Full PDB file with SEQRES, HELIX, SHEET, SSBOND, CRYST1, ORIGX, SCALE, CONECT and MASTER records, all heavy atoms in Angstrom:
SEQRES   1 A   32  PRO GLU ASP THR ALA THR TYR TYR CYS ASN LEU ASP ALA          
SEQRES   2 A   32  GLU TYR ALA LEU LYS THR TYR LYS THR PHE TRP GLY GLN          
SEQRES   3 A   32  GLY THR GLN VAL THR VAL                                      
SHEET    1 AA1 2 ALA A   5  TYR A   7  0                                        
SHEET    2 AA1 2 THR A  28  VAL A  30 -1                                        
SHEET    1 AA2 2 ASN A  10  ALA A  16  0                                        
SHEET    2 AA2 2 THR A  19  TRP A  24 -1                                        
CRYST1    1.000    1.000    1.000  90.00  90.00  90.00 P 1           1          
ORIGX1      1.000000  0.000000  0.000000        0.00000                         
ORIGX2      0.000000  1.000000  0.000000        0.00000                         
ORIGX3      0.000000  0.000000  1.000000        0.00000                         
SCALE1      1.000000  0.000000  0.000000        0.00000                         
SCALE2      0.000000  1.000000  0.000000        0.00000                         
SCALE3      0.000000  0.000000  1.000000        0.00000                         
ATOM      1  N   PRO A   1       0.793  -1.185   0.008  1.00  0.00           N  
ATOM      2  CA  PRO A   1      -0.006  -0.012   0.028  1.00  0.00           C  
ATOM      3  C   PRO A   1       0.837   1.277   0.021  1.00  0.00           C  
ATOM      4  O   PRO A   1       0.424   2.276  -0.609  1.00  0.00           O  
ATOM      5  CB  PRO A   1      -0.760  -0.151   1.287  1.00  0.00           C  
ATOM      6  CG  PRO A   1      -0.973  -1.627   1.445  1.00  0.00           C  
ATOM      7  CD  PRO A   1       0.311  -2.157   1.011  1.00  0.00           C  
ATOM      8  N   GLU A   2       1.970   1.246   0.636  1.00  0.00           N  
ATOM      9  CA  GLU A   2       2.864   2.414   0.714  1.00  0.00           C  
ATOM     10  C   GLU A   2       3.543   2.788  -0.692  1.00  0.00           C  
ATOM     11  O   GLU A   2       4.182   3.779  -0.733  1.00  0.00           O  
ATOM     12  CB  GLU A   2       3.899   2.275   1.814  1.00  0.00           C  
ATOM     13  CG  GLU A   2       4.721   0.991   1.786  1.00  0.00           C  
ATOM     14  CD  GLU A   2       4.088   0.013   2.700  1.00  0.00           C  
ATOM     15  OE1 GLU A   2       2.927  -0.224   2.734  1.00  0.00           O  
ATOM     16  OE2 GLU A   2       4.957  -0.683   3.444  1.00  0.00           O  
ATOM     17  N   ASP A   3       3.411   1.814  -1.651  1.00  0.00           N  
ATOM     18  CA  ASP A   3       3.864   2.187  -2.854  1.00  0.00           C  
ATOM     19  C   ASP A   3       2.929   2.978  -3.725  1.00  0.00           C  
ATOM     20  O   ASP A   3       3.248   3.458  -4.866  1.00  0.00           O  
ATOM     21  CB  ASP A   3       4.153   0.748  -3.786  1.00  0.00           C  
ATOM     22  CG  ASP A   3       5.300   0.020  -3.249  1.00  0.00           C  
ATOM     23  OD1 ASP A   3       6.210   0.617  -2.801  1.00  0.00           O  
ATOM     24  OD2 ASP A   3       5.052  -1.176  -3.178  1.00  0.00           O  
ATOM     25  N   THR A   4       1.658   3.235  -3.201  1.00  0.00           N  
ATOM     26  CA  THR A   4       0.722   4.029  -3.895  1.00  0.00           C  
ATOM     27  C   THR A   4       1.227   5.497  -4.117  1.00  0.00           C  
ATOM     28  O   THR A   4       1.647   6.219  -3.136  1.00  0.00           O  
ATOM     29  CB  THR A   4      -0.579   4.167  -3.007  1.00  0.00           C  
ATOM     30  OG1 THR A   4      -1.173   2.852  -2.951  1.00  0.00           O  
ATOM     31  CG2 THR A   4      -1.621   5.075  -3.617  1.00  0.00           C  
ATOM     32  N   ALA A   5       1.233   5.918  -5.311  1.00  0.00           N  
ATOM     33  CA  ALA A   5       1.781   7.140  -5.701  1.00  0.00           C  
ATOM     34  C   ALA A   5       1.594   7.465  -7.195  1.00  0.00           C  
ATOM     35  O   ALA A   5       1.255   6.562  -7.956  1.00  0.00           O  
ATOM     36  CB  ALA A   5       3.351   7.272  -5.391  1.00  0.00           C  
ATOM     37  N   THR A   6       1.801   8.770  -7.535  1.00  0.00           N  
ATOM     38  CA  THR A   6       1.887   9.056  -9.010  1.00  0.00           C  
ATOM     39  C   THR A   6       3.379   8.842  -9.312  1.00  0.00           C  
ATOM     40  O   THR A   6       4.327   9.384  -8.832  1.00  0.00           O  
ATOM     41  CB  THR A   6       1.509  10.473  -9.237  1.00  0.00           C  
ATOM     42  OG1 THR A   6       0.215  10.687  -8.846  1.00  0.00           O  
ATOM     43  CG2 THR A   6       1.636  10.796 -10.726  1.00  0.00           C  
ATOM     44  N   TYR A   7       3.649   7.972 -10.389  1.00  0.00           N  
ATOM     45  CA  TYR A   7       4.917   7.668 -10.833  1.00  0.00           C  
ATOM     46  C   TYR A   7       5.331   8.429 -12.078  1.00  0.00           C  
ATOM     47  O   TYR A   7       4.587   8.574 -13.042  1.00  0.00           O  
ATOM     48  CB  TYR A   7       5.066   6.211 -11.200  1.00  0.00           C  
ATOM     49  CG  TYR A   7       5.160   5.338  -9.795  1.00  0.00           C  
ATOM     50  CD1 TYR A   7       4.017   5.246  -8.989  1.00  0.00           C  
ATOM     51  CD2 TYR A   7       6.329   4.726  -9.493  1.00  0.00           C  
ATOM     52  CE1 TYR A   7       4.224   4.406  -7.815  1.00  0.00           C  
ATOM     53  CE2 TYR A   7       6.435   3.878  -8.322  1.00  0.00           C  
ATOM     54  CZ  TYR A   7       5.315   3.908  -7.508  1.00  0.00           C  
ATOM     55  OH  TYR A   7       5.424   3.067  -6.368  1.00  0.00           O  
ATOM     56  N   TYR A   8       6.507   9.132 -12.074  1.00  0.00           N  
ATOM     57  CA  TYR A   8       6.987   9.902 -13.110  1.00  0.00           C  
ATOM     58  C   TYR A   8       8.299   9.315 -13.678  1.00  0.00           C  
ATOM     59  O   TYR A   8       9.202   9.009 -12.911  1.00  0.00           O  
ATOM     60  CB  TYR A   8       7.225  11.334 -12.711  1.00  0.00           C  
ATOM     61  CG  TYR A   8       6.025  12.058 -12.143  1.00  0.00           C  
ATOM     62  CD1 TYR A   8       5.752  12.064 -10.824  1.00  0.00           C  
ATOM     63  CD2 TYR A   8       5.289  12.822 -13.093  1.00  0.00           C  
ATOM     64  CE1 TYR A   8       4.568  12.702 -10.308  1.00  0.00           C  
ATOM     65  CE2 TYR A   8       4.213  13.535 -12.603  1.00  0.00           C  
ATOM     66  CZ  TYR A   8       3.876  13.482 -11.160  1.00  0.00           C  
ATOM     67  OH  TYR A   8       2.711  14.146 -10.720  1.00  0.00           O  
ATOM     68  N   CYS A   9       8.351   9.231 -15.002  1.00  0.00           N  
ATOM     69  CA  CYS A   9       9.641   8.896 -15.617  1.00  0.00           C  
ATOM     70  C   CYS A   9      10.394  10.146 -15.901  1.00  0.00           C  
ATOM     71  O   CYS A   9       9.969  11.190 -15.980  1.00  0.00           O  
ATOM     72  CB  CYS A   9       9.447   8.047 -16.850  1.00  0.00           C  
ATOM     73  SG  CYS A   9       8.707   8.804 -18.351  1.00  0.00           S  
ATOM     74  N   ASN A  10      11.723   9.989 -16.009  1.00  0.00           N  
ATOM     75  CA  ASN A  10      12.709  11.074 -16.108  1.00  0.00           C  
ATOM     76  C   ASN A  10      13.875  10.688 -16.957  1.00  0.00           C  
ATOM     77  O   ASN A  10      14.230   9.516 -16.898  1.00  0.00           O  
ATOM     78  CB  ASN A  10      13.070  11.532 -14.696  1.00  0.00           C  
ATOM     79  CG  ASN A  10      14.309  12.424 -14.706  1.00  0.00           C  
ATOM     80  OD1 ASN A  10      15.432  11.912 -14.818  1.00  0.00           O  
ATOM     81  ND2 ASN A  10      14.061  13.666 -14.488  1.00  0.00           N  
ATOM     82  N   LEU A  11      14.405  11.536 -17.709  1.00  0.00           N  
ATOM     83  CA  LEU A  11      15.558  11.219 -18.498  1.00  0.00           C  
ATOM     84  C   LEU A  11      16.352  12.460 -18.833  1.00  0.00           C  
ATOM     85  O   LEU A  11      15.870  13.606 -18.838  1.00  0.00           O  
ATOM     86  CB  LEU A  11      15.272  10.459 -19.874  1.00  0.00           C  
ATOM     87  CG  LEU A  11      14.412  11.067 -20.861  1.00  0.00           C  
ATOM     88  CD1 LEU A  11      15.264  12.012 -21.728  1.00  0.00           C  
ATOM     89  CD2 LEU A  11      13.696  10.100 -21.788  1.00  0.00           C  
ATOM     90  N   ASP A  12      17.597  12.234 -19.065  1.00  0.00           N  
ATOM     91  CA  ASP A  12      18.543  13.287 -19.552  1.00  0.00           C  
ATOM     92  C   ASP A  12      18.746  12.982 -21.101  1.00  0.00           C  
ATOM     93  O   ASP A  12      19.294  11.950 -21.359  1.00  0.00           O  
ATOM     94  CB  ASP A  12      19.890  13.323 -18.755  1.00  0.00           C  
ATOM     95  CG  ASP A  12      19.700  13.689 -17.321  1.00  0.00           C  
ATOM     96  OD1 ASP A  12      18.828  14.515 -17.060  1.00  0.00           O  
ATOM     97  OD2 ASP A  12      20.440  13.215 -16.557  1.00  0.00           O  
ATOM     98  N   ALA A  13      18.453  13.868 -21.889  1.00  0.00           N  
ATOM     99  CA  ALA A  13      18.462  13.718 -23.286  1.00  0.00           C  
ATOM    100  C   ALA A  13      19.445  14.770 -23.948  1.00  0.00           C  
ATOM    101  O   ALA A  13      19.552  15.917 -23.618  1.00  0.00           O  
ATOM    102  CB  ALA A  13      17.110  13.886 -23.964  1.00  0.00           C  
ATOM    103  N   GLU A  14      20.176  14.302 -24.925  1.00  0.00           N  
ATOM    104  CA  GLU A  14      21.026  15.225 -25.757  1.00  0.00           C  
ATOM    105  C   GLU A  14      20.069  15.679 -26.949  1.00  0.00           C  
ATOM    106  O   GLU A  14      19.955  15.135 -27.963  1.00  0.00           O  
ATOM    107  CB  GLU A  14      22.190  14.459 -26.312  1.00  0.00           C  
ATOM    108  CG  GLU A  14      23.170  15.279 -27.159  1.00  0.00           C  
ATOM    109  CD  GLU A  14      24.275  14.543 -27.654  1.00  0.00           C  
ATOM    110  OE1 GLU A  14      24.204  13.191 -27.783  1.00  0.00           O  
ATOM    111  OE2 GLU A  14      25.289  15.053 -28.103  1.00  0.00           O  
ATOM    112  N   TYR A  15      19.308  16.766 -26.612  1.00  0.00           N  
ATOM    113  CA  TYR A  15      18.355  17.271 -27.620  1.00  0.00           C  
ATOM    114  C   TYR A  15      18.888  18.113 -28.714  1.00  0.00           C  
ATOM    115  O   TYR A  15      18.268  18.303 -29.719  1.00  0.00           O  
ATOM    116  CB  TYR A  15      17.247  17.988 -26.868  1.00  0.00           C  
ATOM    117  CG  TYR A  15      17.647  19.307 -26.251  1.00  0.00           C  
ATOM    118  CD1 TYR A  15      17.447  20.545 -26.857  1.00  0.00           C  
ATOM    119  CD2 TYR A  15      18.308  19.425 -25.008  1.00  0.00           C  
ATOM    120  CE1 TYR A  15      17.857  21.741 -26.363  1.00  0.00           C  
ATOM    121  CE2 TYR A  15      18.626  20.578 -24.488  1.00  0.00           C  
ATOM    122  CZ  TYR A  15      18.446  21.753 -25.163  1.00  0.00           C  
ATOM    123  OH  TYR A  15      18.890  23.003 -24.614  1.00  0.00           O  
ATOM    124  N   ALA A  16      20.097  18.582 -28.564  1.00  0.00           N  
ATOM    125  CA  ALA A  16      20.884  19.266 -29.622  1.00  0.00           C  
ATOM    126  C   ALA A  16      22.319  18.702 -29.397  1.00  0.00           C  
ATOM    127  O   ALA A  16      22.729  18.099 -28.350  1.00  0.00           O  
ATOM    128  CB  ALA A  16      20.847  20.741 -29.508  1.00  0.00           C  
ATOM    129  N   LEU A  17      23.174  18.929 -30.354  1.00  0.00           N  
ATOM    130  CA  LEU A  17      24.490  18.375 -30.403  1.00  0.00           C  
ATOM    131  C   LEU A  17      25.211  18.916 -29.048  1.00  0.00           C  
ATOM    132  O   LEU A  17      25.381  20.086 -28.896  1.00  0.00           O  
ATOM    133  CB  LEU A  17      25.302  18.805 -31.543  1.00  0.00           C  
ATOM    134  CG  LEU A  17      26.663  18.142 -31.804  1.00  0.00           C  
ATOM    135  CD1 LEU A  17      26.507  16.698 -31.866  1.00  0.00           C  
ATOM    136  CD2 LEU A  17      27.334  18.652 -33.018  1.00  0.00           C  
ATOM    137  N   LYS A  18      25.625  17.939 -28.277  1.00  0.00           N  
ATOM    138  CA  LYS A  18      26.385  18.258 -27.053  1.00  0.00           C  
ATOM    139  C   LYS A  18      25.657  19.127 -26.078  1.00  0.00           C  
ATOM    140  O   LYS A  18      26.297  19.957 -25.356  1.00  0.00           O  
ATOM    141  CB  LYS A  18      27.743  18.825 -27.334  1.00  0.00           C  
ATOM    142  CG  LYS A  18      28.635  17.756 -28.076  1.00  0.00           C  
ATOM    143  CD  LYS A  18      30.050  18.294 -28.196  1.00  0.00           C  
ATOM    144  CE  LYS A  18      30.936  17.295 -28.932  1.00  0.00           C  
ATOM    145  NZ  LYS A  18      32.374  17.722 -29.079  1.00  0.00           N  
ATOM    146  N   THR A  19      24.326  19.118 -26.234  1.00  0.00           N  
ATOM    147  CA  THR A  19      23.454  20.023 -25.350  1.00  0.00           C  
ATOM    148  C   THR A  19      22.434  19.040 -24.620  1.00  0.00           C  
ATOM    149  O   THR A  19      21.698  18.340 -25.290  1.00  0.00           O  
ATOM    150  CB  THR A  19      22.734  21.046 -26.144  1.00  0.00           C  
ATOM    151  OG1 THR A  19      23.646  21.856 -26.861  1.00  0.00           O  
ATOM    152  CG2 THR A  19      21.924  21.953 -25.175  1.00  0.00           C  
ATOM    153  N   TYR A  20      22.408  19.169 -23.287  1.00  0.00           N  
ATOM    154  CA  TYR A  20      21.607  18.192 -22.527  1.00  0.00           C  
ATOM    155  C   TYR A  20      20.596  18.823 -21.646  1.00  0.00           C  
ATOM    156  O   TYR A  20      20.743  19.910 -21.259  1.00  0.00           O  
ATOM    157  CB  TYR A  20      22.621  17.276 -21.605  1.00  0.00           C  
ATOM    158  CG  TYR A  20      23.656  16.534 -22.392  1.00  0.00           C  
ATOM    159  CD1 TYR A  20      24.816  17.214 -22.685  1.00  0.00           C  
ATOM    160  CD2 TYR A  20      23.420  15.233 -22.765  1.00  0.00           C  
ATOM    161  CE1 TYR A  20      25.731  16.431 -23.468  1.00  0.00           C  
ATOM    162  CE2 TYR A  20      24.343  14.568 -23.589  1.00  0.00           C  
ATOM    163  CZ  TYR A  20      25.544  15.140 -23.802  1.00  0.00           C  
ATOM    164  OH  TYR A  20      26.525  14.495 -24.571  1.00  0.00           O  
ATOM    165  N   LYS A  21      19.523  18.096 -21.472  1.00  0.00           N  
ATOM    166  CA  LYS A  21      18.377  18.590 -20.718  1.00  0.00           C  
ATOM    167  C   LYS A  21      17.645  17.569 -20.078  1.00  0.00           C  
ATOM    168  O   LYS A  21      17.507  16.361 -20.689  1.00  0.00           O  
ATOM    169  CB  LYS A  21      17.539  19.587 -21.538  1.00  0.00           C  
ATOM    170  CG  LYS A  21      16.365  20.221 -20.835  1.00  0.00           C  
ATOM    171  CD  LYS A  21      15.589  21.182 -21.820  1.00  0.00           C  
ATOM    172  CE  LYS A  21      14.420  21.847 -21.108  1.00  0.00           C  
ATOM    173  NZ  LYS A  21      13.728  22.698 -22.114  1.00  0.00           N  
ATOM    174  N   THR A  22      16.964  17.863 -18.894  1.00  0.00           N  
ATOM    175  CA  THR A  22      16.166  16.765 -18.243  1.00  0.00           C  
ATOM    176  C   THR A  22      14.691  16.978 -18.669  1.00  0.00           C  
ATOM    177  O   THR A  22      14.149  18.082 -18.699  1.00  0.00           O  
ATOM    178  CB  THR A  22      16.252  16.993 -16.747  1.00  0.00           C  
ATOM    179  OG1 THR A  22      17.660  16.705 -16.360  1.00  0.00           O  
ATOM    180  CG2 THR A  22      15.390  15.979 -16.100  1.00  0.00           C  
ATOM    181  N   PHE A  23      14.065  15.847 -18.963  1.00  0.00           N  
ATOM    182  CA  PHE A  23      12.709  15.780 -19.339  1.00  0.00           C  
ATOM    183  C   PHE A  23      11.910  14.936 -18.492  1.00  0.00           C  
ATOM    184  O   PHE A  23      12.395  13.894 -17.921  1.00  0.00           O  
ATOM    185  CB  PHE A  23      12.576  15.330 -20.854  1.00  0.00           C  
ATOM    186  CG  PHE A  23      13.128  16.285 -21.825  1.00  0.00           C  
ATOM    187  CD1 PHE A  23      14.437  16.105 -22.175  1.00  0.00           C  
ATOM    188  CD2 PHE A  23      12.390  17.266 -22.397  1.00  0.00           C  
ATOM    189  CE1 PHE A  23      15.040  17.005 -23.027  1.00  0.00           C  
ATOM    190  CE2 PHE A  23      12.960  18.126 -23.322  1.00  0.00           C  
ATOM    191  CZ  PHE A  23      14.307  17.968 -23.691  1.00  0.00           C  
ATOM    192  N   TRP A  24      10.542  15.197 -18.227  1.00  0.00           N  
ATOM    193  CA  TRP A  24       9.724  14.402 -17.404  1.00  0.00           C  
ATOM    194  C   TRP A  24       8.422  13.981 -18.184  1.00  0.00           C  
ATOM    195  O   TRP A  24       7.943  14.575 -19.028  1.00  0.00           O  
ATOM    196  CB  TRP A  24       9.296  15.295 -16.169  1.00  0.00           C  
ATOM    197  CG  TRP A  24      10.374  15.614 -15.246  1.00  0.00           C  
ATOM    198  CD1 TRP A  24      11.167  16.674 -15.375  1.00  0.00           C  
ATOM    199  CD2 TRP A  24      10.657  15.013 -14.068  1.00  0.00           C  
ATOM    200  NE1 TRP A  24      12.071  16.786 -14.263  1.00  0.00           N  
ATOM    201  CE2 TRP A  24      11.717  15.694 -13.509  1.00  0.00           C  
ATOM    202  CE3 TRP A  24      10.162  13.850 -13.489  1.00  0.00           C  
ATOM    203  CZ2 TRP A  24      12.337  15.273 -12.298  1.00  0.00           C  
ATOM    204  CZ3 TRP A  24      10.740  13.459 -12.231  1.00  0.00           C  
ATOM    205  CH2 TRP A  24      11.747  14.209 -11.694  1.00  0.00           C  
ATOM    206  N   GLY A  25       8.074  12.758 -17.736  1.00  0.00           N  
ATOM    207  CA  GLY A  25       6.772  12.245 -18.217  1.00  0.00           C  
ATOM    208  C   GLY A  25       5.577  12.905 -17.539  1.00  0.00           C  
ATOM    209  O   GLY A  25       5.740  13.630 -16.584  1.00  0.00           O  
ATOM    210  N   GLN A  26       4.438  12.591 -18.005  1.00  0.00           N  
ATOM    211  CA  GLN A  26       3.154  13.166 -17.425  1.00  0.00           C  
ATOM    212  C   GLN A  26       2.710  12.698 -16.172  1.00  0.00           C  
ATOM    213  O   GLN A  26       1.868  13.195 -15.430  1.00  0.00           O  
ATOM    214  CB  GLN A  26       2.048  13.205 -18.462  1.00  0.00           C  
ATOM    215  CG  GLN A  26       1.297  11.804 -18.464  1.00  0.00           C  
ATOM    216  CD  GLN A  26       1.932  10.694 -19.232  1.00  0.00           C  
ATOM    217  OE1 GLN A  26       3.139  10.849 -19.774  1.00  0.00           O  
ATOM    218  NE2 GLN A  26       1.356   9.542 -19.298  1.00  0.00           N  
ATOM    219  N   GLY A  27       3.256  11.453 -15.840  1.00  0.00           N  
ATOM    220  CA  GLY A  27       2.856  10.729 -14.566  1.00  0.00           C  
ATOM    221  C   GLY A  27       1.801   9.725 -14.787  1.00  0.00           C  
ATOM    222  O   GLY A  27       0.900   9.897 -15.593  1.00  0.00           O  
ATOM    223  N   THR A  28       1.869   8.584 -14.100  1.00  0.00           N  
ATOM    224  CA  THR A  28       0.841   7.539 -14.117  1.00  0.00           C  
ATOM    225  C   THR A  28       0.593   7.165 -12.771  1.00  0.00           C  
ATOM    226  O   THR A  28       1.434   6.939 -11.923  1.00  0.00           O  
ATOM    227  CB  THR A  28       1.376   6.368 -15.052  1.00  0.00           C  
ATOM    228  OG1 THR A  28       0.270   5.397 -15.188  1.00  0.00           O  
ATOM    229  CG2 THR A  28       2.594   5.740 -14.435  1.00  0.00           C  
ATOM    230  N   GLN A  29      -0.701   6.962 -12.394  1.00  0.00           N  
ATOM    231  CA  GLN A  29      -1.161   6.625 -11.112  1.00  0.00           C  
ATOM    232  C   GLN A  29      -0.987   5.064 -10.760  1.00  0.00           C  
ATOM    233  O   GLN A  29      -1.446   4.255 -11.606  1.00  0.00           O  
ATOM    234  CB  GLN A  29      -2.583   7.086 -10.854  1.00  0.00           C  
ATOM    235  CG  GLN A  29      -3.104   6.807  -9.450  1.00  0.00           C  
ATOM    236  CD  GLN A  29      -2.377   7.574  -8.379  1.00  0.00           C  
ATOM    237  OE1 GLN A  29      -2.039   8.677  -8.578  1.00  0.00           O  
ATOM    238  NE2 GLN A  29      -2.187   6.921  -7.202  1.00  0.00           N  
ATOM    239  N   VAL A  30      -0.369   4.877  -9.679  1.00  0.00           N  
ATOM    240  CA  VAL A  30      -0.342   3.377  -9.222  1.00  0.00           C  
ATOM    241  C   VAL A  30      -0.951   3.401  -7.796  1.00  0.00           C  
ATOM    242  O   VAL A  30      -0.583   4.112  -6.848  1.00  0.00           O  
ATOM    243  CB  VAL A  30       1.054   2.898  -9.063  1.00  0.00           C  
ATOM    244  CG1 VAL A  30       1.106   1.547  -8.372  1.00  0.00           C  
ATOM    245  CG2 VAL A  30       1.774   2.805 -10.477  1.00  0.00           C  
ATOM    246  N   THR A  31      -2.038   2.593  -7.725  1.00  0.00           N  
ATOM    247  CA  THR A  31      -2.799   2.443  -6.467  1.00  0.00           C  
ATOM    248  C   THR A  31      -2.739   1.060  -6.020  1.00  0.00           C  
ATOM    249  O   THR A  31      -3.174   0.129  -6.735  1.00  0.00           O  
ATOM    250  CB  THR A  31      -4.281   2.934  -6.613  1.00  0.00           C  
ATOM    251  OG1 THR A  31      -4.205   4.252  -7.028  1.00  0.00           O  
ATOM    252  CG2 THR A  31      -4.913   2.819  -5.290  1.00  0.00           C  
ATOM    253  N   VAL A  32      -2.233   0.729  -4.814  1.00  0.00           N  
ATOM    254  CA  VAL A  32      -2.128  -0.542  -4.178  1.00  0.00           C  
ATOM    255  C   VAL A  32      -3.159  -0.597  -3.083  1.00  0.00           C  
ATOM    256  O   VAL A  32      -2.910   0.028  -1.995  1.00  0.00           O  
ATOM    257  CB  VAL A  32      -0.732  -0.871  -3.743  1.00  0.00           C  
ATOM    258  CG1 VAL A  32      -0.669  -2.341  -3.240  1.00  0.00           C  
ATOM    259  CG2 VAL A  32       0.295  -0.663  -4.841  1.00  0.00           C  
TER     260      VAL A  32                                                      
MASTER        0    0    0    0    4    0    0    6  259    1    0    3          
END                                                                             
């Protein structure tokens, strides 16, 4: 039950040559 939360994925992407940025997903609900 304590795993219940909104889960977000995250990544660091090279979106331009040698340029990096962190991006986030929209979130997905997990209910136990």
